[in-house]
């Protein structure tokens, strides 16, 4: 979910930038910026999606490394 807060809020000073929030599944805030930049938000979403898609691969690579380490420890 992408939340862009454009309206003024009580106590907000005129001229301050608009906030941007990206909220992930389960309501967790995954990105927050005090300046709304389409380029920055797009870059974050691209990196976030890439990191999430790399998750299983990273897990598998770590498990493989653990196997190598345990074999190396036994051979020493």
N, C-alpha and C. Protein backbone atom coordinates (compact mmCIF):
# COMPACT_ATOMS: atom_id res chain seq x y z
N UNK A 1 0.85 -1.16 0.00
CA UNK A 1 0.00 0.00 0.00
C UNK A 1 0.90 1.23 0.00
N UNK A 2 0.54 2.21 -0.77
CA UNK A 2 1.27 3.47 -0.85
C UNK A 2 0.38 4.56 -0.28
N UNK A 3 0.88 5.34 0.67
CA UNK A 3 0.10 6.41 1.28
C UNK A 3 0.84 7.72 1.05
N UNK A 4 0.16 8.65 0.45
CA UNK A 4 0.71 9.98 0.19
C UNK A 4 -0.14 10.97 0.95
N UNK A 5 0.43 11.69 1.89
CA UNK A 5 -0.33 12.63 2.70
C UNK A 5 -0.08 14.04 2.21
N UNK A 6 -1.04 14.57 1.49
CA UNK A 6 -0.88 15.90 0.92
C UNK A 6 -1.50 17.00 1.77
N UNK A 7 -2.56 16.66 2.47
CA UNK A 7 -3.28 17.69 3.22
C UNK A 7 -2.47 18.18 4.41
N UNK A 8 -2.75 19.38 4.80
CA UNK A 8 -2.08 19.97 5.96
C UNK A 8 -2.57 19.31 7.24
N UNK A 9 -1.70 19.23 8.20
CA UNK A 9 -2.04 18.63 9.48
C UNK A 9 -1.90 19.68 10.57
N UNK A 10 -2.64 19.54 11.66
CA UNK A 10 -2.53 20.51 12.74
C UNK A 10 -1.08 20.64 13.21
N UNK A 11 -0.63 21.86 13.35
CA UNK A 11 0.72 22.10 13.82
C UNK A 11 1.76 22.08 12.72
N UNK A 12 1.34 21.75 11.51
CA UNK A 12 2.30 21.69 10.40
C UNK A 12 2.61 23.10 9.92
N UNK A 13 3.85 23.35 9.61
CA UNK A 13 4.26 24.65 9.12
C UNK A 13 4.08 24.69 7.61
N UNK A 14 3.67 25.84 7.13
CA UNK A 14 3.48 26.02 5.69
C UNK A 14 4.83 25.87 5.00
N UNK A 15 4.83 25.20 3.86
CA UNK A 15 6.04 25.05 3.08
C UNK A 15 6.82 23.78 3.35
N UNK A 16 6.43 23.01 4.35
CA UNK A 16 7.12 21.75 4.59
C UNK A 16 6.70 20.73 3.54
N UNK A 17 7.56 19.78 3.24
CA UNK A 17 7.24 18.77 2.22
C UNK A 17 6.16 17.81 2.69
N UNK A 18 5.59 17.12 1.74
CA UNK A 18 4.57 16.12 2.03
C UNK A 18 5.24 14.79 2.35
N UNK A 19 4.64 14.04 3.27
CA UNK A 19 5.18 12.75 3.69
C UNK A 19 4.72 11.65 2.75
N UNK A 20 5.53 10.62 2.67
CA UNK A 20 5.21 9.42 1.90
C UNK A 20 5.45 8.21 2.79
N UNK A 21 4.52 7.28 2.76
CA UNK A 21 4.63 6.03 3.52
C UNK A 21 4.33 4.88 2.57
N UNK A 22 5.09 3.80 2.70
CA UNK A 22 4.77 2.56 2.01
C UNK A 22 4.56 1.54 3.11
N UNK A 23 3.39 0.92 3.10
CA UNK A 23 3.02 -0.02 4.16
C UNK A 23 2.94 -1.41 3.56
N UNK A 24 3.70 -2.32 4.14
CA UNK A 24 3.74 -3.69 3.66
C UNK A 24 2.61 -4.52 4.23
N UNK A 25 2.65 -5.78 3.88
CA UNK A 25 1.63 -6.70 4.39
C UNK A 25 1.66 -6.74 5.90
N UNK A 26 0.52 -6.88 6.49
CA UNK A 26 0.43 -6.92 7.94
C UNK A 26 0.48 -5.55 8.58
N UNK A 27 0.51 -4.49 7.76
CA UNK A 27 0.49 -3.14 8.29
C UNK A 27 1.84 -2.59 8.71
N UNK A 28 2.90 -3.29 8.39
CA UNK A 28 4.25 -2.85 8.77
C UNK A 28 4.72 -1.74 7.84
N UNK A 29 5.24 -0.67 8.42
CA UNK A 29 5.78 0.43 7.63
C UNK A 29 7.13 -0.04 7.08
N UNK A 30 7.26 -0.04 5.74
CA UNK A 30 8.51 -0.48 5.13
C UNK A 30 9.30 0.68 4.53
N UNK A 31 8.65 1.83 4.39
CA UNK A 31 9.33 3.01 3.85
C UNK A 31 8.61 4.25 4.33
N UNK A 32 9.39 5.24 4.75
CA UNK A 32 8.82 6.49 5.20
C UNK A 32 9.76 7.60 4.76
N UNK A 33 9.21 8.63 4.15
CA UNK A 33 10.04 9.75 3.71
C UNK A 33 9.33 11.05 4.03
N UNK A 34 10.11 12.03 4.42
CA UNK A 34 9.49 13.32 4.73
C UNK A 34 9.47 14.23 3.50
N UNK A 35 9.87 13.69 2.38
CA UNK A 35 9.81 14.44 1.13
C UNK A 35 9.32 13.47 0.05
N UNK A 36 8.23 13.80 -0.59
CA UNK A 36 7.67 12.92 -1.61
C UNK A 36 8.38 13.13 -2.93
N UNK A 37 9.07 12.10 -3.36
CA UNK A 37 9.76 12.10 -4.64
C UNK A 37 9.36 10.82 -5.36
N UNK A 38 8.70 10.96 -6.50
CA UNK A 38 8.26 9.78 -7.26
C UNK A 38 9.45 8.89 -7.60
N UNK A 39 10.57 9.49 -7.93
CA UNK A 39 11.77 8.72 -8.28
C UNK A 39 12.27 7.91 -7.10
N UNK A 40 12.31 8.51 -5.91
CA UNK A 40 12.76 7.79 -4.72
C UNK A 40 11.81 6.66 -4.34
N UNK A 41 10.50 6.92 -4.41
CA UNK A 41 9.52 5.90 -4.07
C UNK A 41 9.61 4.75 -5.06
N UNK A 42 9.70 5.07 -6.34
CA UNK A 42 9.81 4.03 -7.36
C UNK A 42 11.07 3.19 -7.15
N UNK A 43 12.18 3.84 -6.85
CA UNK A 43 13.42 3.11 -6.59
C UNK A 43 13.30 2.20 -5.38
N UNK A 44 12.66 2.70 -4.32
CA UNK A 44 12.47 1.87 -3.13
C UNK A 44 11.61 0.65 -3.46
N UNK A 45 10.49 0.87 -4.14
CA UNK A 45 9.58 -0.24 -4.45
C UNK A 45 10.31 -1.28 -5.30
N UNK A 46 11.09 -0.84 -6.25
CA UNK A 46 11.85 -1.77 -7.11
C UNK A 46 12.83 -2.58 -6.25
N UNK A 47 13.60 -1.92 -5.36
CA UNK A 47 14.55 -2.63 -4.50
C UNK A 47 13.83 -3.56 -3.51
N UNK A 48 12.72 -3.09 -2.98
CA UNK A 48 11.96 -3.89 -2.01
C UNK A 48 11.44 -5.17 -2.65
N UNK A 49 10.86 -5.02 -3.84
CA UNK A 49 10.33 -6.20 -4.54
C UNK A 49 11.46 -7.16 -4.91
N UNK A 50 12.59 -6.62 -5.33
CA UNK A 50 13.74 -7.46 -5.68
C UNK A 50 14.24 -8.22 -4.46
N UNK A 51 14.35 -7.52 -3.34
CA UNK A 51 14.82 -8.17 -2.10
C UNK A 51 13.87 -9.27 -1.67
N UNK A 52 12.57 -9.03 -1.80
CA UNK A 52 11.60 -10.06 -1.41
C UNK A 52 11.67 -11.25 -2.35
N UNK A 53 11.94 -11.00 -3.63
CA UNK A 53 12.02 -12.13 -4.56
C UNK A 53 13.33 -12.89 -4.38
N UNK A 54 14.37 -12.23 -3.82
CA UNK A 54 15.64 -12.90 -3.58
C UNK A 54 15.63 -13.71 -2.29
N UNK A 55 14.62 -13.51 -1.46
CA UNK A 55 14.58 -14.15 -0.16
C UNK A 55 14.83 -15.64 -0.17
N UNK A 56 14.03 -16.42 -0.90
CA UNK A 56 14.25 -17.86 -0.90
C UNK A 56 15.63 -18.24 -1.44
N UNK A 57 16.11 -17.52 -2.45
CA UNK A 57 17.42 -17.82 -3.00
C UNK A 57 18.49 -17.57 -1.96
N UNK A 58 18.39 -16.45 -1.25
CA UNK A 58 19.36 -16.13 -0.22
C UNK A 58 19.34 -17.19 0.88
N UNK A 59 18.16 -17.66 1.25
CA UNK A 59 18.03 -18.70 2.27
C UNK A 59 18.71 -19.98 1.80
N UNK A 60 18.44 -20.37 0.56
CA UNK A 60 19.03 -21.59 0.01
C UNK A 60 20.55 -21.48 -0.05
N UNK A 61 21.06 -20.31 -0.45
CA UNK A 61 22.50 -20.12 -0.52
C UNK A 61 23.13 -20.20 0.87
N UNK A 62 22.46 -19.65 1.89
CA UNK A 62 23.00 -19.72 3.24
C UNK A 62 23.01 -21.17 3.74
N UNK A 63 21.95 -21.91 3.48
CA UNK A 63 21.91 -23.32 3.90
C UNK A 63 23.03 -24.11 3.23
N UNK A 64 23.28 -23.81 1.96
CA UNK A 64 24.37 -24.48 1.24
C UNK A 64 25.71 -24.13 1.89
N UNK A 65 25.90 -22.87 2.24
CA UNK A 65 27.14 -22.45 2.90
C UNK A 65 27.30 -23.15 4.24
N UNK A 66 26.22 -23.31 4.97
CA UNK A 66 26.28 -24.02 6.25
C UNK A 66 26.75 -25.46 6.06
N UNK A 67 26.26 -26.10 5.00
CA UNK A 67 26.68 -27.48 4.71
C UNK A 67 28.17 -27.53 4.41
N UNK A 68 28.65 -26.58 3.63
CA UNK A 68 30.08 -26.53 3.32
C UNK A 68 30.89 -26.32 4.59
N UNK A 69 30.46 -25.39 5.44
CA UNK A 69 31.19 -25.11 6.68
C UNK A 69 31.22 -26.33 7.59
N UNK A 70 30.09 -27.02 7.70
CA UNK A 70 30.06 -28.19 8.59
C UNK A 70 30.96 -29.30 8.05
N UNK A 71 31.01 -29.46 6.74
CA UNK A 71 31.88 -30.47 6.13
C UNK A 71 33.33 -30.08 6.35
N UNK A 72 33.64 -28.83 6.16
CA UNK A 72 35.02 -28.35 6.35
C UNK A 72 35.46 -28.55 7.79
N UNK A 73 34.56 -28.27 8.75
CA UNK A 73 34.89 -28.44 10.17
C UNK A 73 35.18 -29.90 10.49
N UNK A 74 34.43 -30.82 9.88
CA UNK A 74 34.66 -32.26 10.15
C UNK A 74 35.99 -32.72 9.55
N UNK A 75 36.37 -32.15 8.41
CA UNK A 75 37.58 -32.57 7.73
C UNK A 75 38.84 -32.04 8.41
N UNK A 76 38.71 -31.08 9.28
CA UNK A 76 39.91 -30.48 9.91
C UNK A 76 40.33 -31.28 11.11
